[in-house]
Structures are given as structure tokens and as C-alpha cells.
Amino acid sequence: MFKEIIQPRFAETDALGHINNATLPVWFEQSRRPIFKIFVPSLQPNDWNLILAKVEVEYTAELFYGEQVTVMTAVKSIGNSSIQVYQEAWQGGRKAAKGIATMVHFDHQKKTSVSIPNDIRQTLHTHHVENCDFTNQM
């Protein structure tokens, strides 16, 4: 599991004083960076071999400016060429959002998905959600 601390910016609030709902997918993407590094250690765009196929975010509580948000990231499932990444956002000891991102290992020149290599698969498995306790990370 990976853990990222986010300091909400005032610009990320909405008219009701909450963190805007469009902000969470951005925070979740930022917090997937360690997953990206497993596939592309250099993080160089020319070496990039992932595409985003689907993003789901479920909001379970309000988030506010002025208090840090902890985003935890783990691997939910590993397919032949895709992975599902599970994430939770916590603030003040409560879960405020959860999400799943489906990413595909992709060959941009051939425009096709490719199998995830075994070494990457093994590394991903060490960060599987079954091996994580999100509540004890707070």
C-alpha cells in the first residue's frame, strides 16, 4: 500500500466550502504515482506504457480546506494486461471517498494492450489490497 498526504488548496473548494468533487480524481491520480513508477521507473512520457480505461469515485463524506487528506492506494486486481487500483481518501479519521481506477498496460506504437510482465506482476502483488489495512494507517 502507498500513502500520500495532500494539503487541500483553497482553490479546490466549491461554493459550499467543501473540496470540489472534481478534485478527488486529480488527487487519486497524483497518489497513483508509485504504481506508475512500477511500470515506468523513469516516469518519462516517451517510456509510458499505461492508459486509463475507467475511473470510479464514490463520495462518502465531506472534505474540507484546512485539514490534510490522506490518500491510500493499493492494487485491487491484476489481469492479463490490466490492473484495478483501489484508493481511499481520509480526513480527520474518517473515510471521505473511495475509488477504483482501471489501467491497461499498452503498446502505443501498436495501439494494443500487452501482457503485464511477471516481474511487474510480482511487485504489484506485494501492494495488493488483501495485504493492506487502510484503517490502521491513519
Protein backbone atom coordinates (compact mmCIF):
# COMPACT_ATOMS: atom_id res chain seq x y z
CA MET A 1 0.00 0.00 0.00
CA PHE A 2 1.09 3.54 -0.70
CA LYS A 3 0.21 6.60 1.36
CA GLU A 4 0.14 10.22 0.18
CA ILE A 5 -0.60 13.30 2.29
CA ILE A 6 -2.50 16.04 0.45
CA GLN A 7 -2.77 19.61 1.72
CA PRO A 8 -6.02 20.91 0.20
CA ARG A 9 -5.72 24.25 -1.54
CA PHE A 10 -8.32 26.98 -1.11
CA ALA A 11 -8.81 26.95 -4.90
CA GLU A 12 -10.04 23.33 -4.60
CA THR A 13 -13.11 24.31 -2.59
CA ASP A 14 -16.58 24.83 -4.01
CA ALA A 15 -19.26 27.41 -3.21
CA LEU A 16 -20.39 25.36 -0.20
CA GLY A 17 -16.90 25.35 1.32
CA HIS A 18 -16.24 21.68 0.58
CA ILE A 19 -13.48 20.23 -1.55
CA ASN A 20 -14.90 20.20 -5.07
CA ASN A 21 -15.94 16.77 -6.34
CA ALA A 22 -13.75 17.20 -9.44
CA THR A 23 -10.69 17.41 -7.18
CA LEU A 24 -10.75 13.82 -5.92
CA PRO A 25 -9.93 12.20 -9.30
CA VAL A 26 -6.91 14.53 -9.54
CA TRP A 27 -5.74 13.63 -6.03
CA PHE A 28 -6.27 9.94 -6.77
CA GLU A 29 -4.21 10.23 -9.98
CA GLN A 30 -1.43 12.02 -8.07
CA SER A 31 -1.47 9.24 -5.49
CA ARG A 32 -1.14 6.53 -8.18
CA ARG A 33 2.37 7.79 -8.96
CA PRO A 34 4.05 4.86 -7.11
CA ILE A 35 2.03 2.46 -9.29
CA PHE A 36 3.13 4.36 -12.39
CA LYS A 37 6.76 4.01 -11.25
CA ILE A 38 6.41 0.22 -11.08
CA PHE A 39 5.59 0.25 -14.80
CA VAL A 40 7.72 3.24 -15.84
CA PRO A 41 10.53 3.84 -13.29
CA SER A 42 11.72 6.98 -15.11
CA LEU A 43 8.18 8.42 -15.37
CA GLN A 44 9.27 9.75 -18.77
CA PRO A 45 6.34 10.26 -21.15
CA ASN A 46 8.28 8.66 -24.04
CA ASP A 47 8.51 5.44 -21.99
CA TRP A 48 4.87 5.49 -20.84
CA ASN A 49 3.07 2.18 -21.22
CA LEU A 50 -0.21 2.69 -19.37
CA ILE A 51 -3.59 4.06 -20.34
CA LEU A 52 -6.52 4.84 -18.11
CA ALA A 53 -9.61 2.85 -19.09
CA LYS A 54 -12.03 3.72 -16.28
CA VAL A 55 -12.27 5.79 -13.11
CA GLU A 56 -14.92 5.46 -10.41
CA VAL A 57 -15.17 7.71 -7.34
CA GLU A 58 -17.67 7.28 -4.53
CA TYR A 59 -18.02 10.18 -2.10
CA THR A 60 -18.86 9.04 1.43
CA ALA A 61 -18.30 12.21 3.48
CA GLU A 62 -17.42 15.87 3.02
CA LEU A 63 -13.83 17.03 2.70
CA PHE A 64 -12.75 20.49 3.83
CA TYR A 65 -10.00 23.02 3.30
CA GLY A 66 -7.53 23.49 6.16
CA GLU A 67 -7.01 19.87 7.17
CA GLN A 68 -4.75 17.38 5.43
CA VAL A 69 -6.18 14.48 3.46
CA THR A 70 -4.51 11.08 3.42
CA VAL A 71 -4.89 9.05 0.24
CA MET A 72 -4.09 5.36 0.42
CA THR A 73 -3.54 3.33 -2.73
CA ALA A 74 -3.41 -0.43 -3.25
CA VAL A 75 -3.83 -2.92 -6.07
CA LYS A 76 -7.31 -4.43 -6.16
CA SER A 77 -6.86 -6.88 -9.02
CA ILE A 78 -4.32 -7.86 -11.66
CA GLY A 79 -5.49 -9.16 -15.02
CA ASN A 80 -3.53 -10.23 -18.07
CA SER A 81 -2.96 -6.68 -19.32
CA SER A 82 -4.88 -4.53 -16.84
CA ILE A 83 -4.94 -3.67 -13.17
CA GLN A 84 -7.52 -2.15 -10.90
CA VAL A 85 -6.16 0.30 -8.34
CA TYR A 86 -8.22 0.86 -5.18
CA GLN A 87 -7.92 4.16 -3.31
CA GLU A 88 -9.37 5.80 -0.23
CA ALA A 89 -9.24 9.44 0.91
CA TRP A 90 -9.36 10.07 4.66
CA GLN A 91 -9.65 13.31 6.61
CA GLY A 92 -9.96 13.73 10.37
CA GLY A 93 -10.02 9.98 10.97
CA ARG A 94 -12.92 9.26 8.61
CA LYS A 95 -13.09 7.87 5.12
CA ALA A 96 -14.48 10.56 2.79
CA ALA A 97 -14.10 8.90 -0.63
CA LYS A 98 -13.07 5.70 -2.30
CA GLY A 99 -12.31 4.92 -5.89
CA ILE A 100 -11.17 2.40 -8.43
CA ALA A 101 -9.05 3.14 -11.48
CA THR A 102 -8.65 0.56 -14.23
CA MET A 103 -5.37 0.93 -16.09
CA VAL A 104 -4.17 -1.05 -19.10
CA HIS A 105 -0.58 -1.96 -19.96
CA PHE A 106 -0.39 -0.63 -23.50
CA ASP A 107 1.88 -0.55 -26.54
CA HIS A 108 1.35 2.92 -28.02
CA GLN A 109 3.05 2.12 -31.32
CA LYS A 110 0.95 -0.98 -31.98
CA LYS A 111 -2.15 0.56 -30.34
CA THR A 112 -2.88 -2.61 -28.41
CA SER A 113 -2.85 -3.90 -24.86
CA VAL A 114 0.06 -6.10 -23.83
CA SER A 115 0.51 -8.61 -21.04
CA ILE A 116 1.92 -7.35 -17.77
CA PRO A 117 5.44 -8.82 -17.34
CA ASN A 118 5.92 -11.26 -14.45
CA ASP A 119 8.38 -9.03 -12.54
CA ILE A 120 5.90 -6.15 -12.56
CA ARG A 121 3.08 -8.54 -11.66
CA GLN A 122 5.04 -9.78 -8.63
CA THR A 123 5.76 -6.23 -7.45
CA LEU A 124 2.11 -5.26 -7.86
CA HIS A 125 1.03 -8.28 -5.83
CA THR A 126 3.04 -7.06 -2.82
CA HIS A 127 0.77 -4.00 -2.79
CA HIS A 128 -2.46 -5.97 -3.11
CA VAL A 129 -5.38 -4.65 -1.06
CA GLU A 130 -5.61 -8.00 0.78
CA ASN A 131 -2.20 -7.22 2.29
CA CYS A 132 -3.30 -3.76 3.50
CA ASP A 133 -5.19 -2.37 6.46
CA PHE A 134 -6.28 1.12 5.50
CA THR A 135 -7.81 2.00 8.87
CA ASN A 136 -4.59 1.32 10.78
CA GLN A 137 -2.69 3.74 8.51
CA MET A 138 -4.47 6.73 9.94
